[in-house]
Protein backbone atom coordinates (compact mmCIF):
# COMPACT_ATOMS: atom_id res chain seq x y z
CA UNK A 1 84.79 1.29 7.77
CA UNK A 2 81.88 -0.28 9.06
CA UNK A 3 79.59 -0.43 5.95
CA UNK A 4 76.33 -1.47 5.87
CA UNK A 5 73.95 -1.45 2.48
CA UNK A 6 70.21 -3.04 3.29
CA UNK A 7 68.15 -4.61 0.85
CA UNK A 8 64.95 -6.54 0.93
CA UNK A 9 64.65 -9.67 0.07
CA UNK A 10 62.07 -10.57 -2.94
CA UNK A 11 60.44 -12.81 -4.24
CA UNK A 12 62.94 -13.92 -7.64
CA UNK A 13 66.15 -14.08 -4.62
CA UNK A 14 64.08 -17.10 -3.58
CA UNK A 15 63.10 -21.05 -3.64
CA UNK A 16 59.73 -22.57 -3.66
CA UNK A 17 60.20 -22.75 0.35
CA UNK A 18 60.36 -18.70 0.04
CA UNK A 19 63.44 -18.91 1.52
CA UNK A 20 66.52 -17.54 0.13
CA UNK A 21 68.89 -19.84 -2.07
CA UNK A 22 72.06 -20.13 -1.00
CA UNK A 23 74.04 -18.32 -4.44
CA UNK A 24 72.01 -16.00 -4.15
CA UNK A 25 74.13 -14.38 -1.12
CA UNK A 26 76.94 -13.97 -3.31
CA UNK A 27 74.70 -11.12 -4.95
CA UNK A 28 74.27 -9.81 -2.03
CA UNK A 29 78.47 -9.43 -0.54
CA UNK A 30 79.27 -8.59 -4.16
CA UNK A 31 77.15 -5.56 -3.83
CA UNK A 32 77.43 -4.54 -0.45
CA UNK A 33 81.70 -4.45 -0.97
CA UNK A 34 80.42 -2.46 -4.17
CA UNK A 35 78.72 -0.24 -2.85
CA UNK A 36 81.88 0.17 0.20
CA UNK A 37 83.88 0.75 -2.64
CA UNK A 38 82.02 3.73 -4.47
CA UNK A 39 81.42 5.49 -1.02
CA UNK A 40 85.70 5.01 -0.28
CA UNK A 41 85.64 7.48 -3.90
CA UNK A 42 87.02 4.69 -5.76
CA UNK A 43 85.35 4.29 -9.11
CA UNK A 44 85.38 1.21 -10.94
CA UNK A 45 85.10 2.21 -13.91
CA UNK A 46 87.86 4.16 -13.75
CA UNK A 47 89.74 1.86 -12.92
CA UNK A 48 89.27 -0.77 -14.92
CA UNK A 49 90.05 2.37 -17.68
CA UNK A 50 93.44 2.31 -16.75
CA UNK A 51 93.36 -1.18 -17.44
CA UNK A 52 92.86 -2.90 -13.31
CA UNK A 53 89.81 -4.72 -11.67
CA UNK A 54 88.99 -5.92 -8.92
CA UNK A 55 88.26 -9.69 -8.07
CA UNK A 56 87.23 -12.22 -5.77
CA UNK A 57 89.76 -14.89 -4.85
CA UNK A 58 88.03 -17.01 -2.21
CA UNK A 59 85.00 -16.79 0.03
CA UNK A 60 84.28 -18.76 2.74
CA UNK A 61 80.81 -18.26 4.09
CA UNK A 62 79.55 -20.11 6.66
CA UNK A 63 74.87 -20.40 6.73
CA UNK A 64 73.80 -19.44 9.45
CA UNK A 65 70.03 -18.49 10.06
CA UNK A 66 67.49 -18.74 6.50
CA UNK A 67 66.60 -15.38 5.79
CA UNK A 68 62.65 -15.57 3.92
CA UNK A 69 60.91 -13.60 1.72
CA UNK A 70 60.25 -10.27 2.30
CA UNK A 71 62.67 -10.29 5.41
CA UNK A 72 64.88 -6.99 5.57
CA UNK A 73 68.08 -7.74 5.56
CA UNK A 74 71.62 -5.84 5.76
CA UNK A 75 74.95 -6.52 4.84
CA UNK A 76 77.45 -5.58 6.93
CA UNK A 77 81.49 -5.40 5.22
CA UNK A 78 84.87 -4.09 6.31
CA UNK A 79 88.26 -4.10 5.08
CA UNK A 80 90.77 -5.92 6.42
CA UNK A 81 94.63 -6.96 5.88
CA UNK A 82 95.31 -3.99 2.69
CA UNK A 83 98.82 -6.42 0.75
CA UNK A 84 100.34 -5.70 -2.08
CA UNK A 85 97.34 -6.63 -5.30
CA UNK A 86 94.89 -8.13 -2.15
CA UNK A 87 92.73 -7.71 0.09
CA UNK A 88 90.51 -9.08 2.48
CA UNK A 89 87.09 -8.42 3.21
CA UNK A 90 84.59 -9.97 5.95
CA UNK A 91 80.95 -10.14 5.87
CA UNK A 92 78.11 -10.95 7.38
CA UNK A 93 74.48 -10.32 6.52
CA UNK A 94 71.88 -9.95 9.04
CA UNK A 95 67.89 -9.48 9.79
CA UNK A 96 67.79 -7.54 12.80
CA UNK A 97 70.21 -7.82 15.32
CA UNK A 98 70.53 -12.27 14.00
CA UNK A 99 73.39 -13.00 11.65
CA UNK A 100 72.47 -15.31 9.01
CA UNK A 101 75.76 -15.33 6.99
CA UNK A 102 79.12 -14.54 8.12
CA UNK A 103 81.87 -15.21 5.16
CA UNK A 104 85.60 -14.07 4.41
CA UNK A 105 86.18 -12.03 1.27
CA UNK A 106 89.96 -12.46 -0.72
CA UNK A 107 89.72 -9.70 -2.63
CA UNK A 108 92.52 -9.41 -6.31
CA UNK A 109 93.29 -6.45 -8.27
CA UNK A 110 94.14 -7.52 -11.28
CA UNK A 111 95.34 -6.15 -14.46
CA UNK A 112 93.92 -6.54 -18.27
CA UNK A 113 96.48 -9.74 -18.39
CA UNK A 114 94.62 -11.38 -15.92
CA UNK A 115 97.67 -11.25 -13.40
CA UNK A 116 97.90 -9.21 -10.10
CA UNK A 117 98.82 -6.31 -9.78
CA UNK A 118 99.80 -3.30 -7.37
CA UNK A 119 97.18 -0.75 -7.02
CA UNK A 120 98.12 2.35 -8.38
CA UNK A 121 98.70 5.30 -5.09
CA UNK A 122 95.87 7.60 -6.11
CA UNK A 123 94.07 4.35 -5.07
CA UNK A 124 95.76 2.47 -2.74
CA UNK A 125 95.21 5.87 -0.55
CA UNK A 126 91.47 5.72 -0.19
CA UNK A 127 91.44 2.07 0.33
CA UNK A 128 93.93 2.88 2.98
CA UNK A 129 92.24 5.31 5.02
CA UNK A 130 88.75 2.92 4.10
CA UNK A 131 91.14 0.48 5.88
CA UNK A 132 92.09 2.72 8.50
CA UNK A 133 88.81 4.07 8.84
CA UNK A 134 87.47 0.22 10.16
CA UNK A 135 90.30 -0.13 13.13
CA UNK A 136 89.07 3.26 14.72
């Protein structure tokens, strides 16, 4: 599944030069992943009640071009390689057809003790369906 999440750059997102501050892209990526998971029918609140959370383990980001105040952007998110307790989620931030940022994010599933945990069968089925729809 290719998930698209639109956003607009606000004054609070930019530095004095009117360019998006680099750390704000991490917020954009997080929101894109969260909306993709929600759209797949996975409630992160229900997961938390079961003592499970998604956590970012690694981010590799390449900043290609700057976004500026009032730009309309799209965060593109995919799900790659689902493993027992982790998955890879490549993401891009675009302005029209121009790629501004490319990122590779590794997400892990943690239990209440902060240790890696396998997804329960019902959530795994939704994540697997999400990954399968992306490769179709």
